[in-house]
């Protein structure tokens, strides 16, 4: 019998960080606040290659043109 991996959807974040702060560069499970287009580009580059569970990357992509 083969083993299947079931992934549950990400749980809601209870951690909020300022998008311009250093914490946004390291914490993937935090919700960034106050995102600008310039910072979105920077965070996208920093979190590039992360899984779809990376909330910083997802938020950054929403703020890019």
N, C-alpha and C. Protein backbone atom coordinates (compact mmCIF):
# COMPACT_ATOMS: atom_id res chain seq x y z
N UNK A 1 0.83 -1.17 0.00
CA UNK A 1 0.00 0.00 0.00
C UNK A 1 0.89 1.25 0.00
N UNK A 2 0.60 2.20 -0.90
CA UNK A 2 1.42 3.40 -0.96
C UNK A 2 0.93 4.44 0.04
N UNK A 3 1.88 5.19 0.51
CA UNK A 3 1.56 6.24 1.48
C UNK A 3 1.29 7.53 0.74
N UNK A 4 0.19 8.18 1.05
CA UNK A 4 -0.14 9.45 0.41
C UNK A 4 0.01 10.57 1.43
N UNK A 5 0.54 11.66 0.96
CA UNK A 5 0.70 12.82 1.82
C UNK A 5 -0.45 13.78 1.56
N UNK A 6 -1.19 14.10 2.58
CA UNK A 6 -2.29 15.04 2.46
C UNK A 6 -1.88 16.33 3.13
N UNK A 7 -1.94 17.41 2.37
CA UNK A 7 -1.57 18.70 2.93
C UNK A 7 -2.85 19.47 3.25
N UNK A 8 -2.93 19.93 4.44
CA UNK A 8 -4.08 20.74 4.81
C UNK A 8 -3.79 22.19 4.42
N UNK A 9 -4.83 22.97 4.20
CA UNK A 9 -4.60 24.37 3.84
C UNK A 9 -3.90 25.10 4.98
N UNK A 10 -3.15 26.14 4.64
CA UNK A 10 -2.45 26.88 5.70
C UNK A 10 -3.43 27.46 6.71
N UNK A 11 -3.04 27.43 7.95
CA UNK A 11 -3.89 27.99 8.98
C UNK A 11 -3.79 29.51 8.94
N UNK A 12 -4.82 30.20 9.39
CA UNK A 12 -4.75 31.66 9.40
C UNK A 12 -3.58 32.16 10.25
N UNK A 13 -2.96 33.20 9.79
CA UNK A 13 -1.81 33.75 10.51
C UNK A 13 -2.29 34.58 11.70
N UNK A 14 -1.58 34.46 12.78
CA UNK A 14 -1.85 35.28 13.95
C UNK A 14 -0.68 36.22 14.19
N UNK A 15 0.24 36.24 13.26
CA UNK A 15 1.43 37.06 13.39
C UNK A 15 1.46 38.08 12.27
N UNK A 16 1.53 39.34 12.62
CA UNK A 16 1.59 40.41 11.65
C UNK A 16 2.90 41.15 11.80
N UNK A 17 3.55 41.45 10.68
CA UNK A 17 4.81 42.19 10.70
C UNK A 17 4.70 43.35 9.72
N UNK A 18 5.48 44.38 9.97
CA UNK A 18 5.52 45.50 9.04
C UNK A 18 6.34 45.08 7.82
N UNK A 19 5.81 45.32 6.65
CA UNK A 19 6.47 44.88 5.42
C UNK A 19 7.88 45.48 5.27
N UNK A 20 8.10 46.67 5.79
CA UNK A 20 9.42 47.30 5.68
C UNK A 20 10.40 46.80 6.74
N UNK A 21 9.93 46.01 7.69
CA UNK A 21 10.79 45.53 8.76
C UNK A 21 11.60 44.30 8.38
N UNK A 22 12.62 44.05 9.16
CA UNK A 22 13.50 42.90 8.93
C UNK A 22 12.79 41.56 9.13
N UNK A 23 11.79 41.53 10.00
CA UNK A 23 11.06 40.28 10.25
C UNK A 23 10.39 39.75 8.98
N UNK A 24 9.95 40.64 8.10
CA UNK A 24 9.30 40.22 6.86
C UNK A 24 10.27 39.49 5.94
N UNK A 25 11.55 39.70 6.16
CA UNK A 25 12.56 39.04 5.34
C UNK A 25 12.81 37.59 5.78
N UNK A 26 12.40 37.25 6.99
CA UNK A 26 12.72 35.93 7.53
C UNK A 26 11.50 35.06 7.88
N UNK A 27 10.38 35.66 8.19
CA UNK A 27 9.21 34.90 8.64
C UNK A 27 8.22 34.69 7.50
N UNK A 28 8.13 33.47 7.02
CA UNK A 28 7.24 33.16 5.90
C UNK A 28 5.78 33.05 6.33
N UNK A 29 5.52 32.75 7.58
CA UNK A 29 4.14 32.53 8.03
C UNK A 29 3.51 33.78 8.63
N UNK A 30 4.14 34.93 8.46
CA UNK A 30 3.59 36.18 8.98
C UNK A 30 2.83 36.92 7.88
N UNK A 31 1.88 37.74 8.29
CA UNK A 31 1.14 38.58 7.36
C UNK A 31 1.78 39.96 7.34
N UNK A 32 2.33 40.37 6.18
CA UNK A 32 2.97 41.68 6.11
C UNK A 32 1.93 42.80 6.02
N UNK A 33 2.20 43.89 6.70
CA UNK A 33 1.32 45.05 6.70
C UNK A 33 2.07 46.25 6.12
N UNK A 34 1.36 47.09 5.38
CA UNK A 34 1.96 48.30 4.83
C UNK A 34 2.89 48.05 3.65
N UNK A 35 2.50 47.16 2.76
CA UNK A 35 3.35 46.78 1.62
C UNK A 35 3.31 47.86 0.54
N UNK A 36 4.47 48.24 0.04
CA UNK A 36 4.57 49.12 -1.12
C UNK A 36 5.05 48.28 -2.30
N UNK A 37 4.90 48.80 -3.51
CA UNK A 37 5.32 48.07 -4.70
C UNK A 37 6.83 47.82 -4.67
N UNK A 38 7.59 48.80 -4.22
CA UNK A 38 9.05 48.64 -4.15
C UNK A 38 9.44 47.54 -3.17
N UNK A 39 8.81 47.55 -2.00
CA UNK A 39 9.12 46.53 -0.99
C UNK A 39 8.61 45.16 -1.45
N UNK A 40 7.51 45.13 -2.16
CA UNK A 40 6.99 43.86 -2.69
C UNK A 40 8.02 43.22 -3.62
N UNK A 41 8.67 44.01 -4.44
CA UNK A 41 9.70 43.50 -5.34
C UNK A 41 10.87 42.93 -4.54
N UNK A 42 11.30 43.65 -3.51
CA UNK A 42 12.40 43.18 -2.68
C UNK A 42 12.06 41.87 -1.98
N UNK A 43 10.86 41.80 -1.41
CA UNK A 43 10.45 40.60 -0.68
C UNK A 43 10.23 39.42 -1.63
N UNK A 44 9.76 39.70 -2.83
CA UNK A 44 9.60 38.63 -3.80
C UNK A 44 10.96 38.01 -4.13
N UNK A 45 11.97 38.84 -4.29
CA UNK A 45 13.31 38.33 -4.58
C UNK A 45 13.87 37.54 -3.40
N UNK A 46 13.63 38.01 -2.18
CA UNK A 46 14.12 37.32 -1.00
C UNK A 46 13.43 35.97 -0.77
N UNK A 47 12.14 35.89 -1.06
CA UNK A 47 11.36 34.68 -0.80
C UNK A 47 11.15 33.82 -2.05
N UNK A 48 11.78 34.22 -3.15
CA UNK A 48 11.64 33.47 -4.40
C UNK A 48 12.05 32.01 -4.20
N UNK A 49 11.24 31.10 -4.70
CA UNK A 49 11.54 29.69 -4.56
C UNK A 49 10.89 29.04 -3.35
N UNK A 50 10.26 29.84 -2.50
CA UNK A 50 9.57 29.28 -1.33
C UNK A 50 8.28 28.59 -1.77
N UNK A 51 7.71 27.80 -0.90
CA UNK A 51 6.49 27.08 -1.23
C UNK A 51 5.30 28.03 -1.28
N UNK A 52 4.18 27.53 -1.74
CA UNK A 52 2.97 28.35 -1.82
C UNK A 52 2.43 28.71 -0.44
N UNK A 53 2.97 28.10 0.60
CA UNK A 53 2.57 28.42 1.97
C UNK A 53 3.24 29.69 2.50
N UNK A 54 4.17 30.24 1.75
CA UNK A 54 4.88 31.45 2.17
C UNK A 54 3.95 32.65 2.01
N UNK A 55 3.47 33.16 3.13
CA UNK A 55 2.52 34.27 3.10
C UNK A 55 3.17 35.58 2.64
N UNK A 56 4.43 35.75 2.93
CA UNK A 56 5.13 36.96 2.50
C UNK A 56 5.20 37.00 0.98
N UNK A 57 5.57 35.87 0.37
CA UNK A 57 5.65 35.80 -1.09
C UNK A 57 4.29 36.02 -1.73
N UNK A 58 3.25 35.41 -1.18
CA UNK A 58 1.90 35.58 -1.73
C UNK A 58 1.45 37.04 -1.66
N UNK A 59 1.73 37.70 -0.54
CA UNK A 59 1.34 39.10 -0.40
C UNK A 59 2.15 39.99 -1.33
N UNK A 60 3.43 39.68 -1.48
CA UNK A 60 4.27 40.47 -2.37
C UNK A 60 3.78 40.38 -3.81
N UNK A 61 3.41 39.19 -4.24
CA UNK A 61 2.94 39.01 -5.60
C UNK A 61 1.65 39.75 -5.87
N UNK A 62 0.83 39.93 -4.85
CA UNK A 62 -0.41 40.69 -5.02
C UNK A 62 -0.14 42.18 -5.22
N UNK A 63 1.00 42.67 -4.76
CA UNK A 63 1.32 44.09 -4.86
C UNK A 63 2.20 44.44 -6.05
N UNK A 64 2.54 43.45 -6.87
CA UNK A 64 3.35 43.72 -8.05
C UNK A 64 2.47 43.99 -9.26
N UNK A 65 2.94 44.87 -10.14
CA UNK A 65 2.13 45.18 -11.35
C UNK A 65 2.04 44.00 -12.28
